[in-house]
Amino acid sequence: MKKISVLFAVAFALMLGACQNTNQNTAASGDENAAADSAAKTTLVAYFSASPEHITAQVAKTLAEAADADLFEIVPEQIYTVEDLDWKNEQSRSTIEMKDSTARPAVASKVENMGQYTTIYVGFPIWWYTAPRIVNTFLEQYDLTGKTIIPFATSGGSDMGKSGEDLKKASAPNANWILPGKVLNGNPPVDSLKVWIETLK
């Protein structure tokens, strides 16, 4: 009887160990799948938003949802103040930058995994009928050869103008640009943005 009890205890221990290994393997597999899902995204929405109301940021977040994309904010090393953004002041920071086509305000961080993205939406407010110079800085940090770039913007009254063409020529000539892009004022709903995205395919 004692021998049978010992055999039963050994068998139970082996069975318990097998179950634990199965659970551990399943959990590991789940973690790997979750990581794979996260890494699988090939679309990025990168945006620069300077106004206190964060208008461009709101649009970018909605667009990222509509496009099932990762989101990246182009943050300047030196944050723009309200005074910096005063376009009526000839000596304001933004005015001085926009008068100089070679100005490249520093960006605080980079997209670490830019290589995984094949499509990049680039968003910005329209300044002086084109994109802020910091967007050039952002684009010039990477090799964007062969990637599809789609510009979008927010504006107080201007359309896209030649902002996309300006960015392509100056900072990413080897990318595949879908131009002219689109002004997305009023933070359009997700469904509306999905319709626009479909027209780009």
N, C-alpha and C. Protein backbone atom coordinates (compact mmCIF):
# COMPACT_ATOMS: atom_id res chain seq x y z
N MET A 1 0.83 -1.21 0.00
CA MET A 1 0.00 0.00 0.00
C MET A 1 0.87 1.26 0.00
N LYS A 2 1.95 1.19 0.78
CA LYS A 2 2.87 2.32 0.86
C LYS A 2 3.52 2.57 -0.50
N LYS A 3 3.85 1.44 -1.19
CA LYS A 3 4.49 1.55 -2.52
C LYS A 3 3.56 2.22 -3.52
N ILE A 4 2.28 1.89 -3.45
CA ILE A 4 1.29 2.49 -4.36
C ILE A 4 1.16 3.98 -4.10
N SER A 5 1.18 4.37 -2.83
CA SER A 5 1.06 5.79 -2.46
C SER A 5 2.24 6.59 -2.99
N VAL A 6 3.42 6.00 -2.89
CA VAL A 6 4.62 6.69 -3.38
C VAL A 6 4.54 6.88 -4.88
N LEU A 7 4.11 5.82 -5.60
CA LEU A 7 3.98 5.91 -7.06
C LEU A 7 2.95 6.97 -7.45
N PHE A 8 1.86 7.03 -6.71
CA PHE A 8 0.81 8.02 -6.99
C PHE A 8 1.35 9.44 -6.79
N ALA A 9 2.12 9.64 -5.71
CA ALA A 9 2.68 10.96 -5.41
C ALA A 9 3.64 11.39 -6.51
N VAL A 10 4.47 10.45 -7.01
CA VAL A 10 5.42 10.77 -8.08
C VAL A 10 4.67 11.15 -9.36
N ALA A 11 3.63 10.37 -9.68
CA ALA A 11 2.85 10.63 -10.90
C ALA A 11 2.17 11.99 -10.82
N PHE A 12 1.64 12.31 -9.64
CA PHE A 12 0.95 13.59 -9.46
C PHE A 12 1.93 14.76 -9.62
N ALA A 13 3.15 14.60 -9.07
CA ALA A 13 4.16 15.65 -9.17
C ALA A 13 4.55 15.88 -10.63
N LEU A 14 4.70 14.78 -11.38
CA LEU A 14 5.06 14.91 -12.80
C LEU A 14 3.96 15.61 -13.58
N MET A 15 2.71 15.26 -13.28
CA MET A 15 1.58 15.87 -13.97
C MET A 15 1.50 17.36 -13.66
N LEU A 16 1.71 17.74 -12.40
CA LEU A 16 1.66 19.12 -11.99
C LEU A 16 2.75 19.93 -12.68
N GLY A 17 3.94 19.35 -12.77
CA GLY A 17 5.04 20.02 -13.44
C GLY A 17 4.74 20.26 -14.91
N ALA A 18 4.12 19.28 -15.54
CA ALA A 18 3.78 19.41 -16.97
C ALA A 18 2.77 20.53 -17.18
N CYS A 19 1.81 20.63 -16.28
CA CYS A 19 0.80 21.69 -16.39
C CYS A 19 1.42 23.07 -16.24
N GLN A 20 2.36 23.16 -15.29
CA GLN A 20 3.01 24.44 -15.06
C GLN A 20 3.82 24.86 -16.28
N ASN A 21 4.52 23.88 -16.88
CA ASN A 21 5.31 24.19 -18.08
C ASN A 21 4.43 24.64 -19.23
N THR A 22 3.25 23.96 -19.35
CA THR A 22 2.32 24.33 -20.42
C THR A 22 1.82 25.74 -20.23
N ASN A 23 1.47 26.10 -18.97
CA ASN A 23 0.99 27.46 -18.68
C ASN A 23 2.07 28.50 -18.95
N GLN A 24 3.32 28.17 -18.57
CA GLN A 24 4.41 29.10 -18.80
C GLN A 24 4.65 29.30 -20.29
N ASN A 25 4.60 28.20 -21.06
CA ASN A 25 4.80 28.29 -22.49
C ASN A 25 3.69 29.10 -23.15
N THR A 26 2.45 28.89 -22.67
CA THR A 26 1.32 29.62 -23.22
C THR A 26 1.46 31.11 -22.95
N ALA A 27 1.88 31.46 -21.71
CA ALA A 27 2.06 32.86 -21.35
C ALA A 27 3.16 33.50 -22.19
N ALA A 28 4.26 32.73 -22.35
CA ALA A 28 5.36 33.25 -23.15
C ALA A 28 4.92 33.47 -24.58
N SER A 29 4.15 32.51 -25.10
CA SER A 29 3.65 32.63 -26.46
C SER A 29 2.74 33.84 -26.60
N GLY A 30 1.91 34.08 -25.56
CA GLY A 30 1.02 35.24 -25.58
C GLY A 30 1.80 36.53 -25.59
N ASP A 31 2.88 36.59 -24.78
CA ASP A 31 3.71 37.79 -24.75
C ASP A 31 4.35 38.03 -26.11
N GLU A 32 4.83 36.93 -26.72
CA GLU A 32 5.46 37.07 -28.03
C GLU A 32 4.46 37.55 -29.08
N ASN A 33 3.24 37.02 -29.00
CA ASN A 33 2.21 37.44 -29.96
C ASN A 33 1.86 38.91 -29.77
N ALA A 34 1.77 39.33 -28.50
CA ALA A 34 1.45 40.74 -28.23
C ALA A 34 2.55 41.64 -28.75
N ALA A 35 3.81 41.21 -28.55
CA ALA A 35 4.93 42.00 -29.05
C ALA A 35 4.92 42.05 -30.56
N ALA A 36 4.59 40.91 -31.17
CA ALA A 36 4.55 40.85 -32.63
C ALA A 36 3.47 41.77 -33.18
N ASP A 37 2.30 41.79 -32.49
CA ASP A 37 1.20 42.66 -32.93
C ASP A 37 1.63 44.12 -32.86
N SER A 38 2.34 44.47 -31.77
CA SER A 38 2.78 45.84 -31.60
C SER A 38 3.80 46.23 -32.67
N ALA A 39 4.72 45.28 -32.97
CA ALA A 39 5.76 45.57 -33.93
C ALA A 39 5.26 45.52 -35.36
N ALA A 40 4.06 44.96 -35.55
CA ALA A 40 3.56 44.75 -36.91
C ALA A 40 3.05 46.03 -37.56
N LYS A 41 2.80 47.07 -36.79
CA LYS A 41 2.26 48.29 -37.38
C LYS A 41 3.27 48.90 -38.34
N THR A 42 2.79 49.23 -39.53
CA THR A 42 3.68 49.78 -40.56
C THR A 42 3.33 51.23 -40.89
N THR A 43 2.40 51.79 -40.16
CA THR A 43 1.99 53.18 -40.41
C THR A 43 2.28 54.04 -39.18
N LEU A 44 2.80 55.23 -39.42
CA LEU A 44 3.14 56.16 -38.35
C LEU A 44 2.48 57.51 -38.63
N VAL A 45 1.91 58.10 -37.59
CA VAL A 45 1.44 59.49 -37.67
C VAL A 45 2.39 60.33 -36.82
N ALA A 46 3.19 61.16 -37.48
CA ALA A 46 4.11 62.06 -36.79
C ALA A 46 3.58 63.48 -36.93
N TYR A 47 3.62 64.24 -35.85
CA TYR A 47 3.02 65.57 -35.91
C TYR A 47 3.78 66.57 -35.06
N PHE A 48 3.70 67.83 -35.49
CA PHE A 48 4.20 68.95 -34.72
C PHE A 48 3.02 69.83 -34.38
N SER A 49 2.86 70.14 -33.09
CA SER A 49 1.72 70.94 -32.65
C SER A 49 2.24 71.99 -31.67
N ALA A 50 2.11 73.25 -32.04
CA ALA A 50 2.73 74.30 -31.22
C ALA A 50 1.75 75.15 -30.44
N SER A 51 0.52 75.25 -30.89
CA SER A 51 -0.43 76.17 -30.26
C SER A 51 -0.86 75.68 -28.88
N PRO A 52 -1.19 76.58 -27.99
CA PRO A 52 -1.65 76.18 -26.65
C PRO A 52 -2.90 75.30 -26.70
N GLU A 53 -3.68 75.43 -27.78
CA GLU A 53 -4.91 74.63 -27.90
C GLU A 53 -4.64 73.21 -28.40
N HIS A 54 -3.41 72.95 -28.82
CA HIS A 54 -3.01 71.61 -29.30
C HIS A 54 -3.92 71.12 -30.43
N ILE A 55 -4.24 72.00 -31.35
CA ILE A 55 -5.17 71.67 -32.43
C ILE A 55 -4.64 70.54 -33.32
N THR A 56 -3.40 70.67 -33.76
CA THR A 56 -2.83 69.64 -34.64
C THR A 56 -2.68 68.32 -33.90
N ALA A 57 -2.38 68.37 -32.62
CA ALA A 57 -2.24 67.14 -31.83
C ALA A 57 -3.56 66.38 -31.77
N GLN A 58 -4.65 67.08 -31.61
CA GLN A 58 -5.96 66.42 -31.55
C GLN A 58 -6.28 65.72 -32.86
N VAL A 59 -6.00 66.39 -33.97
CA VAL A 59 -6.25 65.79 -35.29
C VAL A 59 -5.36 64.57 -35.49
N ALA A 60 -4.11 64.69 -35.10
CA ALA A 60 -3.16 63.59 -35.28
C ALA A 60 -3.59 62.34 -34.51
N LYS A 61 -4.07 62.52 -33.31
CA LYS A 61 -4.51 61.38 -32.50
C LYS A 61 -5.71 60.69 -33.12
N THR A 62 -6.63 61.47 -33.66
CA THR A 62 -7.80 60.89 -34.33
C THR A 62 -7.38 60.16 -35.60
N LEU A 63 -6.45 60.75 -36.34
CA LEU A 63 -5.96 60.13 -37.57
C LEU A 63 -5.24 58.82 -37.27
N ALA A 64 -4.46 58.79 -36.19
CA ALA A 64 -3.75 57.57 -35.82
C ALA A 64 -4.74 56.45 -35.51
N GLU A 65 -5.84 56.80 -34.88
CA GLU A 65 -6.89 55.81 -34.61
C GLU A 65 -7.51 55.32 -35.91
N ALA A 66 -7.79 56.23 -36.82
CA ALA A 66 -8.42 55.87 -38.08
C ALA A 66 -7.51 55.01 -38.94
N ALA A 67 -6.22 55.28 -38.89
CA ALA A 67 -5.25 54.57 -39.74
C ALA A 67 -4.63 53.37 -39.04
N ASP A 68 -5.03 53.10 -37.80
CA ASP A 68 -4.42 52.04 -36.99
C ASP A 68 -2.90 52.20 -37.00
N ALA A 69 -2.47 53.39 -36.63
CA ALA A 69 -1.06 53.76 -36.73
C ALA A 69 -0.47 54.09 -35.37
N ASP A 70 0.85 54.01 -35.29
CA ASP A 70 1.56 54.51 -34.13
C ASP A 70 1.58 56.03 -34.20
N LEU A 71 1.82 56.66 -33.06
CA LEU A 71 1.76 58.12 -32.97
C LEU A 71 3.08 58.64 -32.41
N PHE A 72 3.60 59.70 -33.03
CA PHE A 72 4.86 60.30 -32.56
C PHE A 72 4.75 61.82 -32.62
N GLU A 73 5.05 62.47 -31.51
CA GLU A 73 5.04 63.93 -31.49
C GLU A 73 6.43 64.48 -31.76
N ILE A 74 6.51 65.40 -32.70
CA ILE A 74 7.76 66.09 -33.00
C ILE A 74 7.90 67.22 -31.98
N VAL A 75 8.69 66.98 -30.97
CA VAL A 75 8.83 67.95 -29.86
C VAL A 75 10.12 68.74 -30.03
N PRO A 76 10.05 70.05 -30.05
CA PRO A 76 11.27 70.86 -30.18
C PRO A 76 12.09 70.84 -28.89
N GLU A 77 13.40 70.93 -29.03
CA GLU A 77 14.24 71.03 -27.84
C GLU A 77 13.90 72.29 -27.05
N GLN A 78 13.63 73.34 -27.75
CA GLN A 78 13.22 74.60 -27.12
C GLN A 78 11.74 74.82 -27.46
N ILE A 79 10.88 74.65 -26.47
CA ILE A 79 9.45 74.77 -26.68
C ILE A 79 9.08 76.19 -27.12
N TYR A 80 8.13 76.28 -28.04
CA TYR A 80 7.68 77.58 -28.52
C TYR A 80 6.73 78.22 -27.50
N THR A 81 7.03 79.45 -27.16
CA THR A 81 6.15 80.21 -26.27
C THR A 81 5.10 80.95 -27.11
N VAL A 82 4.14 81.53 -26.43
CA VAL A 82 3.13 82.34 -27.14
C VAL A 82 3.80 83.48 -27.88
N GLU A 83 4.81 84.07 -27.26
CA GLU A 83 5.53 85.18 -27.90
C GLU A 83 6.28 84.68 -29.13
N ASP A 84 6.83 83.48 -29.06
CA ASP A 84 7.54 82.90 -30.20
C ASP A 84 6.63 82.73 -31.41
N LEU A 85 5.36 82.49 -31.15
CA LEU A 85 4.40 82.19 -32.21
C LEU A 85 3.69 83.42 -32.77
N ASP A 86 4.09 84.58 -32.31
CA ASP A 86 3.44 85.83 -32.75
C ASP A 86 3.89 86.17 -34.17
N TRP A 87 3.07 85.80 -35.14
CA TRP A 87 3.44 86.00 -36.54
C TRP A 87 3.41 87.47 -36.96
N LYS A 88 2.80 88.30 -36.13
CA LYS A 88 2.76 89.74 -36.44
C LYS A 88 4.04 90.45 -36.01
N ASN A 89 4.84 89.77 -35.20
CA ASN A 89 6.08 90.35 -34.70
C ASN A 89 7.24 89.92 -35.60
N GLU A 90 7.87 90.88 -36.26
CA GLU A 90 8.96 90.58 -37.18
C GLU A 90 10.16 89.95 -36.47
N GLN A 91 10.24 90.13 -35.16
CA GLN A 91 11.39 89.61 -34.40
C GLN A 91 11.04 88.35 -33.61
N SER A 92 9.84 87.84 -33.78
CA SER A 92 9.49 86.61 -33.05
C SER A 92 10.27 85.42 -33.61
N ARG A 93 10.43 84.42 -32.79
CA ARG A 93 11.21 83.24 -33.19
C ARG A 93 10.64 82.59 -34.45
N SER A 94 9.34 82.40 -34.49
CA SER A 94 8.74 81.73 -35.65
C SER A 94 8.91 82.55 -36.92
N THR A 95 8.77 83.87 -36.82
CA THR A 95 8.94 84.73 -37.99
C THR A 95 10.36 84.64 -38.53
N ILE A 96 11.33 84.70 -37.66
CA ILE A 96 12.74 84.63 -38.06
C ILE A 96 13.03 83.28 -38.72
N GLU A 97 12.53 82.21 -38.13
CA GLU A 97 12.76 80.88 -38.71
C GLU A 97 12.14 80.75 -40.09
N MET A 98 10.92 81.22 -40.24
CA MET A 98 10.22 81.04 -41.50
C MET A 98 10.78 81.92 -42.62
N LYS A 99 11.49 82.97 -42.26
CA LYS A 99 12.15 83.80 -43.27
C LYS A 99 13.44 83.16 -43.77
N ASP A 100 13.92 82.15 -43.05
CA ASP A 100 15.18 81.48 -43.39
C ASP A 100 14.89 80.03 -43.80
N SER A 101 14.97 79.75 -45.07
CA SER A 101 14.63 78.40 -45.56
C SER A 101 15.61 77.34 -45.09
N THR A 102 16.76 77.76 -44.57
CA THR A 102 17.75 76.79 -44.08
C THR A 102 17.64 76.57 -42.57
N ALA A 103 16.75 77.29 -41.89
CA ALA A 103 16.60 77.13 -40.44
C ALA A 103 16.14 75.71 -40.12
N ARG A 104 16.75 75.11 -39.12
CA ARG A 104 16.40 73.76 -38.71
C ARG A 104 16.36 73.68 -37.18
N PRO A 105 15.25 74.08 -36.57
CA PRO A 105 15.13 73.99 -35.11
C PRO A 105 15.34 72.56 -34.63
N ALA A 106 16.05 72.40 -33.53
CA ALA A 106 16.39 71.07 -33.04
C ALA A 106 15.16 70.33 -32.51
N VAL A 107 15.16 69.02 -32.74
CA VAL A 107 14.09 68.14 -32.26
C VAL A 107 14.59 67.38 -31.03
N ALA A 108 13.73 67.21 -30.04
CA ALA A 108 14.14 66.62 -28.77
C ALA A 108 14.39 65.12 -28.83
N SER A 109 13.69 64.41 -29.72
CA SER A 109 13.84 62.95 -29.76
C SER A 109 13.61 62.42 -31.16
N LYS A 110 13.94 61.14 -31.35
CA LYS A 110 13.80 60.51 -32.66
C LYS A 110 12.90 59.28 -32.57
N VAL A 111 12.37 58.87 -33.72
CA VAL A 111 11.64 57.61 -33.81
C VAL A 111 12.69 56.51 -33.85
N GLU A 112 12.71 55.65 -32.84
CA GLU A 112 13.77 54.65 -32.74
C GLU A 112 13.64 53.55 -33.80
N ASN A 113 12.42 53.25 -34.20
CA ASN A 113 12.18 52.12 -35.11
C ASN A 113 11.61 52.59 -36.44
N MET A 114 12.13 53.67 -36.98
CA MET A 114 11.58 54.22 -38.23
C MET A 114 11.61 53.20 -39.37
N GLY A 115 12.56 52.30 -39.34
CA GLY A 115 12.69 51.31 -40.41
C GLY A 115 11.46 50.43 -40.60
N GLN A 116 10.65 50.26 -39.56
CA GLN A 116 9.50 49.36 -39.68
C GLN A 116 8.32 50.00 -40.41
N TYR A 117 8.34 51.32 -40.56
CA TYR A 117 7.19 52.01 -41.14
C TYR A 117 7.34 52.18 -42.65
N THR A 118 6.27 51.88 -43.35
CA THR A 118 6.25 52.07 -44.80
C THR A 118 5.43 53.29 -45.20
N THR A 119 4.51 53.69 -44.33
CA THR A 119 3.66 54.86 -44.58
C THR A 119 3.75 55.81 -43.40
N ILE A 120 4.00 57.08 -43.71
CA ILE A 120 4.15 58.08 -42.66
C ILE A 120 3.27 59.29 -42.97
N TYR A 121 2.32 59.55 -42.09
CA TYR A 121 1.54 60.79 -42.17
C TYR A 121 2.31 61.85 -41.37
N VAL A 122 2.53 63.00 -41.98
CA VAL A 122 3.26 64.07 -41.31
C VAL A 122 2.34 65.27 -41.15
N GLY A 123 2.07 65.66 -39.91
CA GLY A 123 1.12 66.73 -39.65
C GLY A 123 1.75 67.96 -39.03
N PHE A 124 1.19 69.11 -39.33
CA PHE A 124 1.74 70.37 -38.85
C PHE A 124 0.74 71.50 -39.05
N PRO A 125 0.89 72.60 -38.32
CA PRO A 125 0.10 73.81 -38.62
C PRO A 125 0.75 74.53 -39.80
N ILE A 126 -0.05 75.18 -40.63
CA ILE A 126 0.51 75.96 -41.72
C ILE A 126 1.07 77.27 -41.17
N TRP A 127 2.35 77.49 -41.44
CA TRP A 127 3.01 78.74 -41.07
C TRP A 127 3.51 79.43 -42.33
N TRP A 128 3.11 80.66 -42.55
CA TRP A 128 3.59 81.39 -43.72
C TRP A 128 3.40 80.55 -45.00
N TYR A 129 2.25 79.92 -45.11
CA TYR A 129 1.83 79.17 -46.29
C TYR A 129 2.64 77.89 -46.54
N THR A 130 3.37 77.42 -45.54
CA THR A 130 4.12 76.18 -45.70
C THR A 130 4.28 75.51 -44.34
N ALA A 131 5.12 74.47 -44.28
CA ALA A 131 5.32 73.74 -43.03
C ALA A 131 6.37 74.42 -42.16
N PRO A 132 6.23 74.38 -40.84
CA PRO A 132 7.26 74.92 -39.96
C PRO A 132 8.60 74.23 -40.22
N ARG A 133 9.69 74.96 -40.04
CA ARG A 133 11.02 74.42 -40.36
C ARG A 133 11.38 73.19 -39.54
N ILE A 134 10.78 73.06 -38.37
CA ILE A 134 11.10 71.90 -37.54
C ILE A 134 10.64 70.59 -38.19
N VAL A 135 9.67 70.66 -39.07
CA VAL A 135 9.24 69.46 -39.80
C VAL A 135 10.35 69.01 -40.75
N ASN A 136 11.05 69.97 -41.34
CA ASN A 136 12.23 69.63 -42.15
C ASN A 136 13.28 68.92 -41.30
N THR A 137 13.50 69.45 -40.10
CA THR A 137 14.47 68.82 -39.19
C THR A 137 14.10 67.37 -38.93
N PHE A 138 12.83 67.15 -38.65
CA PHE A 138 12.35 65.79 -38.38
C PHE A 138 12.61 64.86 -39.55
N LEU A 139 12.22 65.27 -40.74
CA LEU A 139 12.37 64.41 -41.92
C LEU A 139 13.83 64.11 -42.23
N GLU A 140 14.68 65.08 -42.03
CA GLU A 140 16.09 64.93 -42.40
C GLU A 140 16.88 64.04 -41.45
N GLN A 141 16.25 63.60 -40.38
CA GLN A 141 16.93 62.69 -39.44
C GLN A 141 16.97 61.25 -39.94
N TYR A 142 16.20 60.93 -40.98
CA TYR A 142 16.02 59.54 -41.38
C TYR A 142 16.26 59.35 -42.88
N ASP A 143 16.54 58.09 -43.23
CA ASP A 143 16.55 57.70 -44.63
C ASP A 143 15.13 57.27 -44.98
N LEU A 144 14.43 58.09 -45.72
CA LEU A 144 13.02 57.84 -46.04
C LEU A 144 12.84 57.32 -47.47
N THR A 145 13.90 56.85 -48.06
CA THR A 145 13.85 56.35 -49.43
C THR A 145 12.79 55.27 -49.58
N GLY A 146 11.88 55.46 -50.52
CA GLY A 146 10.86 54.46 -50.81
C GLY A 146 9.66 54.47 -49.89
N LYS A 147 9.71 55.22 -48.80
CA LYS A 147 8.57 55.27 -47.89
C LYS A 147 7.50 56.22 -48.45
N THR A 148 6.24 55.93 -48.14
CA THR A 148 5.14 56.79 -48.57
C THR A 148 4.88 57.84 -47.50
N ILE A 149 4.91 59.10 -47.90
CA ILE A 149 4.69 60.20 -46.96
C ILE A 149 3.45 60.98 -47.39
N ILE A 150 2.55 61.20 -46.43
CA ILE A 150 1.31 61.91 -46.70
C ILE A 150 1.21 63.08 -45.73
N PRO A 151 1.31 64.30 -46.23
CA PRO A 151 1.21 65.46 -45.33
C PRO A 151 -0.24 65.82 -45.01
N PHE A 152 -0.45 66.29 -43.80
CA PHE A 152 -1.74 66.86 -43.42
C PHE A 152 -1.48 68.07 -42.54
N ALA A 153 -2.44 68.95 -42.47
CA ALA A 153 -2.19 70.20 -41.75
C ALA A 153 -3.45 70.74 -41.11
N THR A 154 -3.25 71.67 -40.20
CA THR A 154 -4.34 72.49 -39.67
C THR A 154 -4.00 73.93 -40.03
N SER A 155 -5.02 74.75 -40.19
CA SER A 155 -4.76 76.10 -40.66
C SER A 155 -5.87 77.06 -40.24
N GLY A 156 -5.48 78.30 -40.03
CA GLY A 156 -6.46 79.32 -39.71
C GLY A 156 -7.15 79.89 -40.92
N GLY A 157 -6.74 79.46 -42.11
CA GLY A 157 -7.36 80.00 -43.32
C GLY A 157 -6.70 79.54 -44.60
N SER A 158 -5.42 79.18 -44.54
CA SER A 158 -4.69 78.76 -45.73
C SER A 158 -4.99 77.29 -46.06
N ASP A 159 -4.82 76.93 -47.35
CA ASP A 159 -4.90 75.53 -47.72
C ASP A 159 -3.49 74.93 -47.66
N MET A 160 -3.29 73.74 -48.19
CA MET A 160 -1.98 73.09 -48.12
C MET A 160 -0.93 73.86 -48.91
N GLY A 161 -1.39 74.61 -49.93
CA GLY A 161 -0.42 75.34 -50.74
C GLY A 161 0.64 74.42 -51.29
N LYS A 162 1.88 74.83 -51.21
CA LYS A 162 3.01 74.02 -51.68
C LYS A 162 3.80 73.43 -50.51
N SER A 163 3.15 73.31 -49.35
CA SER A 163 3.87 72.82 -48.17
C SER A 163 4.45 71.43 -48.38
N GLY A 164 3.66 70.54 -49.00
CA GLY A 164 4.15 69.20 -49.26
C GLY A 164 5.30 69.19 -50.25
N GLU A 165 5.13 69.96 -51.34
CA GLU A 165 6.19 70.06 -52.34
C GLU A 165 7.47 70.63 -51.74
N ASP A 166 7.31 71.64 -50.87
CA ASP A 166 8.48 72.24 -50.22
C ASP A 166 9.22 71.22 -49.37
N LEU A 167 8.48 70.43 -48.60
CA LEU A 167 9.11 69.42 -47.74
C LEU A 167 9.80 68.35 -48.57
N LYS A 168 9.13 67.91 -49.62
CA LYS A 168 9.71 66.88 -50.48
C LYS A 168 11.03 67.36 -51.08
N LYS A 169 11.01 68.54 -51.65
CA LYS A 169 12.19 69.06 -52.33
C LYS A 169 13.35 69.28 -51.37
N ALA A 170 13.06 69.84 -50.21
CA ALA A 170 14.13 70.22 -49.28
C ALA A 170 14.63 69.08 -48.40
N SER A 171 13.75 68.16 -48.04
CA SER A 171 14.12 67.24 -46.95
C SER A 171 13.92 65.76 -47.21
N ALA A 172 13.10 65.37 -48.19
CA ALA A 172 12.88 63.93 -48.41
C ALA A 172 12.58 63.66 -49.88
N PRO A 173 13.52 63.98 -50.77
CA PRO A 173 13.26 63.84 -52.20
C PRO A 173 13.11 62.40 -52.68
N ASN A 174 13.63 61.44 -51.91
CA ASN A 174 13.60 60.05 -52.33
C ASN A 174 12.41 59.27 -51.78
N ALA A 175 11.54 59.95 -51.07
CA ALA A 175 10.32 59.29 -50.56
C ALA A 175 9.23 59.38 -51.62
N ASN A 176 8.21 58.54 -51.45
CA ASN A 176 7.05 58.59 -52.35
C ASN A 176 5.97 59.45 -51.70
N TRP A 177 5.83 60.66 -52.15
CA TRP A 177 4.89 61.60 -51.56
C TRP A 177 3.53 61.51 -52.23
N ILE A 178 2.47 61.54 -51.42
CA ILE A 178 1.11 61.66 -51.94
C ILE A 178 0.68 63.10 -51.68
N LEU A 179 0.66 63.88 -52.75
CA LEU A 179 0.44 65.32 -52.65
C LEU A 179 -0.85 65.73 -53.34
N PRO A 180 -1.45 66.82 -52.90
CA PRO A 180 -0.89 67.85 -52.02
C PRO A 180 -1.08 67.59 -50.53
N GLY A 181 -1.71 66.48 -50.14
CA GLY A 181 -2.06 66.30 -48.74
C GLY A 181 -3.41 66.91 -48.45
N LYS A 182 -3.69 67.14 -47.18
CA LYS A 182 -5.04 67.62 -46.85
C LYS A 182 -5.04 68.45 -45.57
N VAL A 183 -5.77 69.55 -45.61
CA VAL A 183 -6.01 70.33 -44.39
C VAL A 183 -7.15 69.66 -43.64
N LEU A 184 -6.93 69.39 -42.36
CA LEU A 184 -7.92 68.68 -41.55
C LEU A 184 -8.32 69.56 -40.36
N ASN A 185 -9.04 70.60 -40.64
CA ASN A 185 -9.51 71.49 -39.59
C ASN A 185 -10.73 70.90 -38.88
N GLY A 186 -10.93 71.32 -37.65
CA GLY A 186 -12.13 70.91 -36.92
C GLY A 186 -12.09 69.50 -36.37
N ASN A 187 -10.92 68.87 -36.39
CA ASN A 187 -10.78 67.50 -35.87
C ASN A 187 -11.87 66.57 -36.43
N PRO A 188 -11.81 66.23 -37.71
CA PRO A 188 -12.82 65.35 -38.33
C PRO A 188 -12.94 64.03 -37.57
N PRO A 189 -14.14 63.42 -37.57
CA PRO A 189 -14.32 62.15 -36.87
C PRO A 189 -13.57 61.01 -37.54
N VAL A 190 -13.40 59.94 -36.79
CA VAL A 190 -12.65 58.78 -37.27
C VAL A 190 -13.20 58.25 -38.59
N ASP A 191 -14.52 58.10 -38.69
CA ASP A 191 -15.12 57.55 -39.91
C ASP A 191 -14.80 58.42 -41.13
N SER A 192 -14.82 59.73 -40.94
CA SER A 192 -14.51 60.63 -42.04
C SER A 192 -13.06 60.49 -42.48
N LEU A 193 -12.17 60.32 -41.53
CA LEU A 193 -10.76 60.16 -41.85
C LEU A 193 -10.50 58.81 -42.53
N LYS A 194 -11.25 57.80 -42.14
CA LYS A 194 -11.10 56.50 -42.80
C LYS A 194 -11.48 56.59 -44.27
N VAL A 195 -12.50 57.38 -44.57
CA VAL A 195 -12.91 57.57 -45.98
C VAL A 195 -11.77 58.24 -46.75
N TRP A 196 -11.16 59.26 -46.15
CA TRP A 196 -10.02 59.92 -46.81
C TRP A 196 -8.86 58.96 -47.02
N ILE A 197 -8.56 58.17 -46.01
CA ILE A 197 -7.47 57.21 -46.10
C ILE A 197 -7.69 56.24 -47.27
N GLU A 198 -8.93 55.81 -47.45
CA GLU A 198 -9.24 54.89 -48.54
C GLU A 198 -8.97 55.51 -49.90
N THR A 199 -9.16 56.81 -50.02
CA THR A 199 -8.93 57.47 -51.32
C THR A 199 -7.45 57.54 -51.66
N LEU A 200 -6.59 57.29 -50.69
CA LEU A 200 -5.15 57.39 -50.92
C LEU A 200 -4.54 56.09 -51.44
N LYS A 201 -5.32 55.03 -51.40
CA LYS A 201 -4.81 53.71 -51.79
C LYS A 201 -4.85 53.52 -53.30
